C-alpha atoms as a PDB file:
ATOM      1  CA  UNK A   1      19.065  18.391 -25.576  1.00  0.00           C
ATOM      2  CA  UNK A   2      19.829  14.973 -24.242  1.00  0.00           C
ATOM      3  CA  UNK A   3      20.331  13.835 -20.650  1.00  0.00           C
ATOM      4  CA  UNK A   4      18.479  16.816 -19.189  1.00  0.00           C
ATOM      5  CA  UNK A   5      15.545  16.797 -16.918  1.00  0.00           C
ATOM      6  CA  UNK A   6      13.135  17.047 -19.838  1.00  0.00           C
ATOM      7  CA  UNK A   7      14.364  13.735 -21.223  1.00  0.00           C
ATOM      8  CA  UNK A   8      13.585  11.802 -18.102  1.00  0.00           C
ATOM      9  CA  UNK A   9      10.470   9.672 -18.198  1.00  0.00           C
ATOM     10  CA  UNK A  10       7.679  10.835 -15.997  1.00  0.00           C
ATOM     11  CA  UNK A  11       7.018   8.164 -13.378  1.00  0.00           C
ATOM     12  CA  UNK A  12       3.859   8.275 -11.307  1.00  0.00           C
ATOM     13  CA  UNK A  13       3.663   7.157  -7.698  1.00  0.00           C
ATOM     14  CA  UNK A  14       1.154   4.392  -7.055  1.00  0.00           C
ATOM     15  CA  UNK A  15      -1.190   5.787  -4.413  1.00  0.00           C
ATOM     16  CA  UNK A  16      -2.582   3.644  -1.519  1.00  0.00           C
ATOM     17  CA  UNK A  17      -6.151   4.059  -2.773  1.00  0.00           C
ATOM     18  CA  UNK A  18      -8.084   3.352  -5.930  1.00  0.00           C
ATOM     19  CA  UNK A  19     -10.468   5.416  -7.993  1.00  0.00           C
ATOM     20  CA  UNK A  20     -14.270   5.035  -7.814  1.00  0.00           C
ATOM     21  CA  UNK A  21     -14.036   2.415 -10.554  1.00  0.00           C
ATOM     22  CA  UNK A  22     -11.380   0.417  -8.679  1.00  0.00           C
ATOM     23  CA  UNK A  23      -8.543   1.456 -11.014  1.00  0.00           C
ATOM     24  CA  UNK A  24      -5.190   2.471  -9.526  1.00  0.00           C
ATOM     25  CA  UNK A  25      -4.450   6.136  -8.832  1.00  0.00           C
ATOM     26  CA  UNK A  26      -1.095   7.683  -9.486  1.00  0.00           C
ATOM     27  CA  UNK A  27       0.605  10.918  -8.436  1.00  0.00           C
ATOM     28  CA  UNK A  28       3.003  12.699 -10.694  1.00  0.00           C
ATOM     29  CA  UNK A  29       5.285  15.189  -9.009  1.00  0.00           C
ATOM     30  CA  UNK A  30       8.341  15.611  -6.869  1.00  0.00           C
ATOM     31  CA  UNK A  31       6.839  13.734  -3.885  1.00  0.00           C
ATOM     32  CA  UNK A  32       6.847  16.663  -1.504  1.00  0.00           C
ATOM     33  CA  UNK A  33       3.367  18.002  -1.737  1.00  0.00           C
ATOM     34  CA  UNK A  34       0.201  17.548   0.265  1.00  0.00           C
ATOM     35  CA  UNK A  35      -1.060  14.488  -1.605  1.00  0.00           C
ATOM     36  CA  UNK A  36       2.303  12.767  -1.253  1.00  0.00           C
ATOM     37  CA  UNK A  37       2.320  13.436   2.456  1.00  0.00           C
ATOM     38  CA  UNK A  38      -1.254  12.206   2.764  1.00  0.00           C
ATOM     39  CA  UNK A  39      -0.335   8.998   0.926  1.00  0.00           C
ATOM     40  CA  UNK A  40       2.641   8.466   3.204  1.00  0.00           C
ATOM     41  CA  UNK A  41       0.390   8.750   6.235  1.00  0.00           C
ATOM     42  CA  UNK A  42      -2.208   6.368   4.829  1.00  0.00           C
ATOM     43  CA  UNK A  43       0.489   3.827   3.929  1.00  0.00           C
ATOM     44  CA  UNK A  44       1.755   4.028   7.563  1.00  0.00           C
ATOM     45  CA  UNK A  45      -1.792   3.437   8.864  1.00  0.00           C
ATOM     46  CA  UNK A  46      -2.286   0.520   6.523  1.00  0.00           C
ATOM     47  CA  UNK A  47       0.928  -1.146   7.668  1.00  0.00           C
ATOM     48  CA  UNK A  48       0.051  -0.598  11.364  1.00  0.00           C
ATOM     49  CA  UNK A  49      -3.383  -2.035  10.829  1.00  0.00           C
ATOM     50  CA  UNK A  50      -1.906  -5.118   9.127  1.00  0.00           C
ATOM     51  CA  UNK A  51       0.390  -5.650  12.085  1.00  0.00           C
ATOM     52  CA  UNK A  52      -2.479  -5.349  14.552  1.00  0.00           C
ATOM     53  CA  UNK A  53      -4.597  -7.713  12.482  1.00  0.00           C
ATOM     54  CA  UNK A  54      -1.862 -10.324  12.445  1.00  0.00           C
ATOM     55  CA  UNK A  55      -1.793 -10.147  16.219  1.00  0.00           C
ATOM     56  CA  UNK A  56      -5.544 -10.624  16.335  1.00  0.00           C
ATOM     57  CA  UNK A  57      -5.299 -13.588  13.905  1.00  0.00           C
ATOM     58  CA  UNK A  58      -2.698 -15.218  16.118  1.00  0.00           C
ATOM     59  CA  UNK A  59      -4.937 -14.912  19.187  1.00  0.00           C
ATOM     60  CA  UNK A  60      -8.058 -16.048  17.377  1.00  0.00           C
ATOM     61  CA  UNK A  61      -6.382 -19.021  15.779  1.00  0.00           C
ATOM     62  CA  UNK A  62      -4.909 -20.108  19.157  1.00  0.00           C
ATOM     63  CA  UNK A  63      -8.407 -20.530  20.541  1.00  0.00           C
ATOM     64  CA  UNK A  64     -10.054 -23.940  20.410  1.00  0.00           C
ATOM     65  CA  UNK A  65     -13.588 -22.737  19.694  1.00  0.00           C
ATOM     66  CA  UNK A  66     -13.697 -20.515  16.645  1.00  0.00           C
ATOM     67  CA  UNK A  67     -16.818 -20.354  14.516  1.00  0.00           C
ATOM     68  CA  UNK A  68     -16.889 -20.491  10.738  1.00  0.00           C
ATOM     69  CA  UNK A  69     -18.237 -16.914  10.746  1.00  0.00           C
ATOM     70  CA  UNK A  70     -15.261 -15.699  12.806  1.00  0.00           C
ATOM     71  CA  UNK A  71     -12.836 -17.403  10.500  1.00  0.00           C
ATOM     72  CA  UNK A  72     -14.571 -16.011   7.395  1.00  0.00           C
ATOM     73  CA  UNK A  73     -14.490 -12.522   8.852  1.00  0.00           C
ATOM     74  CA  UNK A  74     -10.790 -12.915   9.694  1.00  0.00           C
ATOM     75  CA  UNK A  75      -9.990 -14.169   6.187  1.00  0.00           C
ATOM     76  CA  UNK A  76     -11.796 -11.189   4.629  1.00  0.00           C
ATOM     77  CA  UNK A  77      -9.893  -8.687   6.760  1.00  0.00           C
ATOM     78  CA  UNK A  78      -6.575 -10.447   6.133  1.00  0.00           C
ATOM     79  CA  UNK A  79      -7.245 -10.424   2.391  1.00  0.00           C
ATOM     80  CA  UNK A  80      -8.027  -6.696   2.426  1.00  0.00           C
ATOM     81  CA  UNK A  81      -4.965  -5.981   4.527  1.00  0.00           C
ATOM     82  CA  UNK A  82      -2.708  -8.069   2.340  1.00  0.00           C
ATOM     83  CA  UNK A  83      -4.002  -6.210  -0.753  1.00  0.00           C
ATOM     84  CA  UNK A  84      -3.196  -2.853   0.987  1.00  0.00           C
ATOM     85  CA  UNK A  85       0.307  -3.840   2.052  1.00  0.00           C
ATOM     86  CA  UNK A  86       1.026  -5.303  -1.392  1.00  0.00           C
ATOM     87  CA  UNK A  87       0.076  -1.951  -2.970  1.00  0.00           C
ATOM     88  CA  UNK A  88       2.377  -0.144  -0.450  1.00  0.00           C
ATOM     89  CA  UNK A  89       5.241  -2.536  -1.314  1.00  0.00           C
ATOM     90  CA  UNK A  90       4.725  -2.036  -5.068  1.00  0.00           C
ATOM     91  CA  UNK A  91       4.648   1.695  -4.684  1.00  0.00           C
ATOM     92  CA  UNK A  92       7.694   1.928  -2.459  1.00  0.00           C
ATOM     93  CA  UNK A  93       9.603  -0.620  -4.536  1.00  0.00           C
ATOM     94  CA  UNK A  94       8.947   1.393  -7.717  1.00  0.00           C
ATOM     95  CA  UNK A  95      10.137   4.561  -6.094  1.00  0.00           C
ATOM     96  CA  UNK A  96      13.300   2.865  -4.817  1.00  0.00           C
ATOM     97  CA  UNK A  97      14.002   1.469  -8.312  1.00  0.00           C
ATOM     98  CA  UNK A  98      13.467   4.953  -9.844  1.00  0.00           C
ATOM     99  CA  UNK A  99      15.854   6.567  -7.347  1.00  0.00           C
ATOM    100  CA  UNK A 100      18.603   4.089  -7.951  1.00  0.00           C
ATOM    101  CA  UNK A 101      18.722   4.815 -11.700  1.00  0.00           C
ATOM    102  CA  UNK A 102      21.592   7.033 -12.848  1.00  0.00           C
END
């Protein structure tokens, strides 16, 4: 049997969190279950947090008196946020590419 659903490669969805050892977590399924909805919600929160952090960075960097500690803290949060948003982009990009295949 060729061309059927059994011949399609199983593609896992990259989830917006990692395992205890820091390795990526994937979800295999149709994307409609509880874990998929939870992942969607977490991705939305991560993107909203990145947007708020960018606003905070703009305000902080506009000030004349910013300490090294404040800049270090900001850089750490921006780095974490960028990592999260990159993971969301990779996950969503992979799903878009998978959907566009014939």
